[in-house]
Amino acid sequence: MWLLHPHIHDGWNSSQHGGLRAGSVRLHRYVFIVQKSYQDSETGPESSVITKVKGITLSEHKVWDVEEYVKPPEGGSVFSIITRIEVTPFQSLGTCAESMRVNSATCDSDEDCVAGQLDMLGNGQCAPARGRGRGRCRGRAGARPAQFLGKMAPNFTILVKNSIHYPKFQFSKGNIEHRKDGYLKHCTFHEVSDLYCPIFKLGYIVEQAGENFTELAHTGGVIGVIINWDCDLDLSASKCNPKYSFRRLDPKHVPASSGYNFRFAKYYKINGSTTRTLIKAYGIRIDIIVHGQAGKFSLIPTIINLATALTSIGVGSFLCDWILLTFMNKNKVYSHKKFDKMVDAPSRGAGPGLCASQPSQQDYTLTDARGLAQL
């Protein structure tokens, strides 16, 4: 009679062992099937983004087209659409009384004005005050009439052309459907019916980001257009589709850092003197962000994760024993060391014809478990 070498008993009953094993099976099913641990993966695809904005709008004084309200005009992944401006016209190099808002600019004589002082860009001269005791240091001043461009801006259309490539799997795809019927000339994006028409209205982008367009147009802000490419390359290429999401990126609830604006100038000459119009522009900045992950079946991660799963649920030791007892040349030696032989001894005082009693703990001989090291 042969007995498997006894294991150490840990005090758990069979129901606890069964519950643990069932939970382990469910966990590995989730990791292996849902998380696709049998696949080799690659994150962060190589990506190219080209954008194009179309539309016209009106302000209080003029009609604006794309060349004037989109900065920069190259059509990259980050661009701004101007929605409100403050204009300071006819600026030229010269001197004038500093603004009353500059407290440090009051003076009684030229000695009170420091030439080139940074907070007022002064020239070191004091301009006499009219009807007041103290004058103002000479500096730069100008008017700032404001113009709002956001009246028609929600209808601006933005084409987002995106191409991605996963070099590990040599897989490439774009977000525009290849059709010859002029499809892109009359479509706009819809996540169900027109997924491969990446033409978005500016109002739609702002709405999907959960913002009020009029407020955003006045203060400016940064909106992220996130394109996610999660692809299971064990399936056909048609199953690898972009997913779009939109959210505001600047912290609108922090007044010190919310909003978005920038300055630029337009230069020209009047009577031979260089003059400029300084423009402070508020706008909606669009950031196109592309990320994703691709996975494809690979033998190496499959073997590693399968072995880990089998070991954790107790199948690994059984499988190893079966292989060693079946295919190893010294399988008999391994069997002799793996199992213990029980020797039945006759019962003391038992009469003929009577069955021997059950052997006591001392009635069988244990082999040396360390003998396994001889294999």
Protein backbone atom coordinates (compact mmCIF):
# COMPACT_ATOMS: atom_id res chain seq x y z
CA MET A 1 0.00 0.00 0.00
CA TRP A 2 1.40 3.37 -0.95
CA LEU A 3 0.70 6.76 0.63
CA LEU A 4 1.47 10.18 -0.79
CA HIS A 5 4.03 11.87 1.40
CA PRO A 6 1.99 13.81 3.98
CA HIS A 7 1.59 17.59 3.61
CA ILE A 8 1.61 20.07 6.47
CA HIS A 9 -1.92 20.72 7.65
CA ASP A 10 -2.70 24.44 7.93
CA GLY A 11 -5.90 24.15 9.94
CA TRP A 12 -8.29 25.24 7.21
CA ASN A 13 -11.25 23.06 6.43
CA SER A 14 -12.21 21.95 2.95
CA SER A 15 -14.86 24.62 2.49
CA GLN A 16 -12.32 27.36 3.15
CA HIS A 17 -9.91 25.81 0.68
CA GLY A 18 -12.72 25.52 -1.87
CA GLY A 19 -13.74 29.15 -1.43
CA LEU A 20 -10.16 30.35 -1.79
CA ARG A 21 -9.64 28.26 -4.91
CA ALA A 22 -12.90 29.50 -6.47
CA GLY A 23 -11.94 33.11 -5.75
CA SER A 24 -8.51 32.52 -7.26
CA VAL A 25 -10.08 31.03 -10.39
CA ARG A 26 -12.37 34.06 -10.80
CA LEU A 27 -9.44 36.45 -10.29
CA HIS A 28 -7.33 34.76 -12.94
CA ARG A 29 -10.27 34.59 -15.31
CA TYR A 30 -10.61 38.37 -14.96
CA VAL A 31 -6.87 38.98 -15.44
CA PHE A 32 -6.50 36.51 -18.30
CA ILE A 33 -9.68 37.20 -20.28
CA VAL A 34 -10.86 40.71 -19.37
CA GLN A 35 -7.42 42.26 -18.99
CA LYS A 36 -6.08 40.20 -21.92
CA SER A 37 -2.87 39.12 -20.19
CA TYR A 38 -2.27 36.70 -23.06
CA GLN A 39 -1.41 39.66 -25.30
CA ASP A 40 1.74 41.63 -25.90
CA SER A 41 0.91 45.34 -25.66
CA GLU A 42 2.17 48.74 -26.75
CA THR A 43 1.13 52.12 -25.35
CA GLY A 44 1.50 55.60 -26.75
CA PRO A 45 1.07 55.39 -30.53
CA GLU A 46 3.07 57.55 -32.90
CA SER A 47 0.64 60.26 -33.95
CA SER A 48 0.20 63.12 -36.41
CA VAL A 49 -2.49 65.82 -36.12
CA ILE A 50 -3.51 68.39 -38.75
CA THR A 51 -6.34 70.87 -38.11
CA LYS A 52 -8.29 73.29 -40.26
CA VAL A 53 -10.84 75.89 -39.10
CA LYS A 54 -13.54 77.42 -41.29
CA GLY A 55 -16.10 80.17 -40.71
CA ILE A 56 -16.60 83.94 -40.54
CA THR A 57 -17.85 86.14 -37.73
CA LEU A 58 -18.82 89.74 -37.00
CA SER A 59 -17.66 92.19 -34.36
CA GLU A 60 -18.81 95.74 -33.67
CA HIS A 61 -16.59 97.17 -36.38
CA LYS A 62 -15.71 94.52 -39.00
CA VAL A 63 -16.06 91.07 -40.50
CA TRP A 64 -13.45 88.51 -39.41
CA ASP A 65 -12.27 85.48 -41.38
CA VAL A 66 -10.05 82.52 -40.51
CA GLU A 67 -6.77 84.27 -41.33
CA GLU A 68 -7.47 86.86 -38.63
CA TYR A 69 -8.92 84.93 -35.69
CA VAL A 70 -6.93 81.64 -35.75
CA LYS A 71 -3.47 81.74 -34.16
CA PRO A 72 -1.13 80.22 -35.25
CA PRO A 73 -2.40 79.58 -38.77
CA GLU A 74 -0.31 76.44 -39.50
CA GLY A 75 -3.02 73.99 -38.44
CA GLY A 76 -1.19 72.08 -35.72
CA SER A 77 -2.44 70.16 -32.70
CA VAL A 78 -2.60 73.32 -30.55
CA PHE A 79 -4.27 76.49 -31.80
CA SER A 80 -6.36 79.42 -30.56
CA ILE A 81 -9.60 80.89 -31.82
CA ILE A 82 -9.92 84.56 -30.87
CA THR A 83 -13.35 85.44 -29.44
CA ARG A 84 -12.75 88.90 -27.87
CA ILE A 85 -10.11 91.60 -28.31
CA GLU A 86 -9.03 94.81 -26.59
CA VAL A 87 -7.34 97.20 -29.03
CA THR A 88 -4.81 99.93 -28.28
CA PRO A 89 -4.40 101.76 -31.62
CA PHE A 90 -1.82 104.22 -32.99
CA GLN A 91 1.02 103.36 -30.65
CA SER A 92 4.35 104.93 -31.52
CA LEU A 93 7.60 105.58 -29.69
CA GLY A 94 7.22 108.84 -27.76
CA THR A 95 6.36 110.26 -24.36
CA CYS A 96 3.16 111.18 -22.62
CA ALA A 97 1.86 111.49 -19.08
CA GLU A 98 1.69 108.15 -17.32
CA SER A 99 -1.64 106.58 -16.42
CA MET A 100 -3.29 107.60 -13.16
CA ARG A 101 -3.40 103.89 -12.24
CA VAL A 102 0.39 103.87 -11.78
CA ASN A 103 0.75 105.13 -8.22
CA SER A 104 4.53 105.42 -8.32
CA ALA A 105 4.40 107.78 -11.30
CA THR A 106 3.53 110.99 -9.37
CA CYS A 107 6.32 113.57 -9.40
CA ASP A 108 7.29 117.17 -8.57
CA SER A 109 10.37 117.39 -10.79
CA ASP A 110 12.51 115.37 -13.18
CA GLU A 111 14.53 114.03 -10.24
CA ASP A 112 11.46 112.06 -9.11
CA CYS A 113 11.35 110.15 -12.40
CA VAL A 114 13.91 107.42 -13.01
CA ALA A 115 14.68 106.91 -16.69
CA GLY A 116 13.68 103.43 -17.87
CA GLN A 117 11.97 102.49 -14.63
CA LEU A 118 10.34 99.15 -15.34
CA ASP A 119 6.83 99.68 -13.95
CA MET A 120 6.15 102.68 -16.20
CA LEU A 121 8.78 102.59 -18.98
CA GLY A 122 9.48 106.26 -18.31
CA ASN A 123 12.03 108.58 -19.92
CA GLY A 124 13.09 110.43 -16.78
CA GLN A 125 10.98 113.57 -17.31
CA CYS A 126 8.08 114.93 -15.29
CA ALA A 127 5.03 116.14 -17.18
CA PRO A 128 3.39 119.13 -15.45
CA ALA A 129 -0.09 118.51 -14.12
CA ARG A 130 -2.99 120.62 -15.30
CA GLY A 131 -4.73 122.19 -12.34
CA ARG A 132 -2.96 119.88 -9.84
CA GLY A 133 0.03 120.34 -7.62
CA ARG A 134 1.89 117.23 -8.75
CA GLY A 135 2.65 116.04 -12.27
CA ARG A 136 2.96 112.61 -13.86
CA CYS A 137 6.12 110.89 -15.08
CA ARG A 138 6.11 110.61 -18.85
CA GLY A 139 5.34 107.11 -20.09
CA ARG A 140 3.06 105.32 -22.53
CA ALA A 141 -0.74 105.46 -22.66
CA GLY A 142 -3.58 104.57 -24.99
CA ALA A 143 -7.24 103.60 -25.31
CA ARG A 144 -8.54 100.01 -25.37
CA PRO A 145 -11.84 99.64 -27.19
CA ALA A 146 -13.13 96.05 -26.94
CA GLN A 147 -14.66 93.95 -29.71
CA PHE A 148 -16.56 90.69 -29.27
CA LEU A 149 -16.12 88.04 -31.98
CA GLY A 150 -18.12 85.26 -30.36
CA LYS A 151 -21.52 85.95 -31.93
CA MET A 152 -21.08 83.48 -34.80
CA ALA A 153 -18.15 81.52 -33.37
CA PRO A 154 -20.21 78.48 -32.17
CA ASN A 155 -20.77 77.62 -35.84
CA PHE A 156 -17.08 77.53 -36.72
CA THR A 157 -16.10 74.07 -38.00
CA ILE A 158 -12.85 72.36 -37.06
CA LEU A 159 -11.44 69.48 -39.09
CA VAL A 160 -9.18 67.23 -36.97
CA LYS A 161 -7.14 64.89 -39.17
CA ASN A 162 -5.35 62.26 -37.06
CA SER A 163 -3.15 59.32 -38.09
CA ILE A 164 -1.64 56.82 -35.64
CA HIS A 165 0.96 54.06 -35.92
CA TYR A 166 1.93 51.22 -33.56
CA PRO A 167 5.48 50.31 -34.67
CA LYS A 168 5.69 47.07 -32.64
CA PHE A 169 2.78 45.58 -34.60
CA GLN A 170 3.28 47.57 -37.82
CA PHE A 171 -0.30 48.82 -37.61
CA SER A 172 -1.47 52.20 -38.91
CA LYS A 173 -4.86 53.84 -39.17
CA GLY A 174 -6.49 57.26 -39.58
CA ASN A 175 -9.70 58.87 -38.38
CA ILE A 176 -11.05 59.82 -41.83
CA GLU A 177 -13.09 57.41 -43.90
CA HIS A 178 -11.82 56.87 -47.44
CA ARG A 179 -14.76 57.66 -49.68
CA LYS A 180 -15.04 59.18 -53.16
CA ASP A 181 -18.50 60.73 -52.93
CA GLY A 182 -17.49 64.03 -51.31
CA TYR A 183 -18.55 62.74 -47.92
CA LEU A 184 -16.44 65.23 -45.93
CA LYS A 185 -18.00 68.22 -47.72
CA HIS A 186 -21.41 67.76 -46.15
CA CYS A 187 -20.94 65.78 -42.93
CA THR A 188 -20.33 66.72 -39.30
CA PHE A 189 -19.21 64.47 -36.49
CA HIS A 190 -21.64 62.07 -34.81
CA GLU A 191 -20.29 59.33 -32.55
CA VAL A 192 -22.66 56.71 -33.99
CA SER A 193 -23.54 57.58 -37.58
CA ASP A 194 -20.51 59.71 -38.56
CA LEU A 195 -17.60 58.49 -36.44
CA TYR A 196 -15.15 58.87 -39.32
CA CYS A 197 -16.17 62.45 -40.12
CA PRO A 198 -13.92 64.39 -37.70
CA ILE A 199 -15.47 67.80 -38.41
CA PHE A 200 -16.59 69.39 -35.14
CA LYS A 201 -18.49 72.60 -34.52
CA LEU A 202 -16.80 74.80 -31.92
CA GLY A 203 -20.08 75.12 -30.04
CA TYR A 204 -20.37 71.32 -29.86
CA ILE A 205 -16.85 70.98 -28.43
CA VAL A 206 -17.53 73.58 -25.73
CA GLU A 207 -20.90 72.01 -24.90
CA GLN A 208 -19.39 68.51 -24.58
CA ALA A 209 -16.78 69.94 -22.23
CA GLY A 210 -19.62 71.18 -19.98
CA GLU A 211 -18.98 74.91 -20.48
CA ASN A 212 -21.09 77.95 -21.29
CA PHE A 213 -19.95 79.32 -24.63
CA THR A 214 -20.64 83.03 -23.96
CA GLU A 215 -18.78 83.02 -20.65
CA LEU A 216 -15.86 81.09 -22.12
CA ALA A 217 -15.67 83.45 -25.10
CA HIS A 218 -15.36 86.48 -22.79
CA THR A 219 -12.73 85.13 -20.41
CA GLY A 220 -10.98 82.61 -22.63
CA GLY A 221 -10.08 79.05 -21.71
CA VAL A 222 -8.35 75.84 -22.78
CA ILE A 223 -10.37 72.88 -24.09
CA GLY A 224 -8.83 69.46 -24.62
CA VAL A 225 -9.98 67.19 -27.43
CA ILE A 226 -8.82 63.72 -26.40
CA ILE A 227 -8.60 60.99 -29.05
CA ASN A 228 -8.19 57.50 -27.64
CA TRP A 229 -7.12 54.54 -29.79
CA ASP A 230 -7.55 51.30 -27.80
CA CYS A 231 -7.10 48.48 -30.30
CA ASP A 232 -7.36 44.69 -29.99
CA LEU A 233 -5.28 43.63 -32.97
CA ASP A 234 -6.42 40.02 -32.69
CA LEU A 235 -9.64 41.34 -34.28
CA SER A 236 -10.01 42.98 -37.66
CA ALA A 237 -8.77 46.52 -38.27
CA SER A 238 -12.38 47.73 -38.54
CA LYS A 239 -12.77 47.09 -34.79
CA CYS A 240 -10.02 49.60 -33.97
CA ASN A 241 -11.90 52.91 -33.78
CA PRO A 242 -11.13 56.31 -32.25
CA LYS A 243 -13.03 57.50 -29.18
CA TYR A 244 -13.39 61.23 -28.59
CA SER A 245 -13.83 63.05 -25.30
CA PHE A 246 -13.75 66.74 -24.39
CA ARG A 247 -12.93 68.59 -21.18
CA ARG A 248 -11.68 71.94 -19.97
CA LEU A 249 -7.99 71.89 -19.07
CA ASP A 250 -7.41 75.22 -17.30
CA PRO A 251 -8.65 75.53 -13.68
CA LYS A 252 -11.68 77.78 -14.12
CA HIS A 253 -12.39 77.94 -10.37
CA VAL A 254 -8.97 79.49 -9.65
CA PRO A 255 -9.24 83.15 -10.72
CA ALA A 256 -5.47 83.69 -10.73
CA SER A 257 -4.87 80.99 -13.36
CA SER A 258 -8.16 80.57 -15.21
CA GLY A 259 -8.94 81.98 -18.61
CA TYR A 260 -6.70 82.42 -21.63
CA ASN A 261 -5.36 85.52 -23.39
CA PHE A 262 -2.29 86.70 -25.27
CA ARG A 263 -1.01 89.87 -26.97
CA PHE A 264 0.23 90.60 -30.45
CA ALA A 265 0.74 93.73 -32.54
CA LYS A 266 0.19 94.91 -36.09
CA TYR A 267 2.78 97.40 -37.40
CA TYR A 268 2.44 100.04 -40.08
CA LYS A 269 3.81 103.51 -40.92
CA ILE A 270 2.16 106.91 -40.69
CA ASN A 271 4.11 109.85 -42.17
CA GLY A 272 7.26 107.80 -42.08
CA SER A 273 6.94 106.92 -38.40
CA THR A 274 6.52 103.31 -37.28
CA THR A 275 3.17 102.85 -35.59
CA ARG A 276 1.42 99.80 -34.25
CA THR A 277 -1.93 98.59 -33.00
CA LEU A 278 -1.56 96.47 -29.87
CA ILE A 279 -4.20 93.75 -29.48
CA LYS A 280 -4.96 91.82 -26.32
CA ALA A 281 -6.83 88.73 -27.47
CA TYR A 282 -9.05 86.44 -25.42
CA GLY A 283 -9.84 83.11 -27.00
CA ILE A 284 -10.54 79.42 -26.81
CA ARG A 285 -7.38 77.36 -27.10
CA ILE A 286 -7.85 73.85 -28.46
CA ASP A 287 -5.37 71.12 -27.48
CA ILE A 288 -5.62 67.86 -29.47
CA ILE A 289 -4.32 65.03 -27.25
CA VAL A 290 -3.83 61.53 -28.69
CA HIS A 291 -3.18 58.40 -26.66
CA GLY A 292 -4.06 54.71 -26.75
CA GLN A 293 -2.95 51.12 -26.36
CA ALA A 294 -2.75 48.17 -28.73
CA GLY A 295 -2.53 44.46 -27.87
CA LYS A 296 -1.96 41.28 -29.85
CA PHE A 297 -1.62 37.60 -28.93
CA SER A 298 1.90 36.53 -28.00
CA LEU A 299 3.11 33.14 -26.80
CA ILE A 300 5.54 34.38 -24.15
CA PRO A 301 3.09 36.35 -21.95
CA THR A 302 0.54 33.56 -22.46
CA ILE A 303 2.91 30.91 -21.05
CA ILE A 304 4.05 33.11 -18.17
CA ASN A 305 0.54 34.07 -17.06
CA LEU A 306 -0.84 30.58 -17.60
CA ALA A 307 1.90 29.06 -15.42
CA THR A 308 1.26 31.67 -12.74
CA ALA A 309 -2.46 30.96 -12.77
CA LEU A 310 -2.03 27.17 -12.59
CA THR A 311 0.45 27.44 -9.74
CA SER A 312 -1.73 29.73 -7.67
CA ILE A 313 -4.77 27.42 -7.84
CA GLY A 314 -2.78 24.29 -6.94
CA VAL A 315 -2.67 22.63 -10.36
CA GLY A 316 1.03 23.31 -10.84
CA SER A 317 2.31 20.74 -8.34
CA PHE A 318 -0.05 18.06 -9.70
CA LEU A 319 1.07 18.77 -13.27
CA CYS A 320 4.76 18.58 -12.31
CA ASP A 321 4.24 15.25 -10.53
CA TRP A 322 2.43 13.83 -13.54
CA ILE A 323 5.21 14.89 -15.91
CA LEU A 324 7.97 13.48 -13.68
CA LEU A 325 6.16 10.19 -13.04
CA THR A 326 5.25 9.72 -16.68
CA PHE A 327 8.13 10.97 -18.80
CA MET A 328 11.26 11.04 -16.62
CA ASN A 329 13.79 8.22 -17.07
CA LYS A 330 14.11 7.72 -13.32
CA ASN A 331 10.40 7.83 -12.67
CA LYS A 332 10.57 4.74 -10.43
CA VAL A 333 13.17 6.38 -8.22
CA TYR A 334 11.07 9.53 -8.06
CA SER A 335 7.98 7.43 -7.22
CA HIS A 336 9.94 5.64 -4.45
CA LYS A 337 10.96 8.96 -2.94
CA LYS A 338 7.61 10.65 -3.47
CA PHE A 339 5.45 7.99 -1.84
CA ASP A 340 5.71 6.13 1.50
CA LYS A 341 5.16 2.39 1.76
CA MET A 342 2.85 1.18 4.55
CA VAL A 343 3.74 -2.21 6.05
CA ASP A 344 0.84 -4.18 7.53
CA ALA A 345 1.80 -6.01 10.77
CA PRO A 346 -0.27 -8.85 12.32
CA SER A 347 -2.34 -7.91 15.32
CA ARG A 348 -1.02 -9.05 18.68
CA GLY A 349 -3.11 -11.86 20.12
CA ALA A 350 -5.30 -12.15 17.10
CA GLY A 351 -6.52 -15.67 16.42
CA PRO A 352 -6.45 -17.43 13.10
CA GLY A 353 -9.00 -16.28 10.60
CA LEU A 354 -9.32 -12.88 12.21
CA CYS A 355 -8.43 -9.73 10.31
CA ALA A 356 -5.42 -7.80 11.49
CA SER A 357 -6.11 -4.60 13.29
CA GLN A 358 -5.39 -1.20 11.70
CA PRO A 359 -1.70 -0.38 11.82
CA SER A 360 -0.55 2.12 14.35
CA GLN A 361 1.50 5.21 13.56
CA GLN A 362 4.69 3.19 14.22
CA ASP A 363 3.73 0.37 11.81
CA TYR A 364 4.89 2.02 8.59
CA THR A 365 8.30 3.09 7.53
CA LEU A 366 8.88 6.63 6.17
CA THR A 367 11.40 7.09 3.44
CA ASP A 368 13.88 9.88 3.60
CA ALA A 369 12.22 12.89 1.94
CA ARG A 370 15.62 14.41 1.37
CA GLY A 371 16.38 11.57 -0.99
CA LEU A 372 14.62 13.58 -3.68
CA ALA A 373 17.80 15.60 -3.96
CA GLN A 374 19.53 12.54 -5.43
CA LEU A 375 17.42 12.73 -8.59
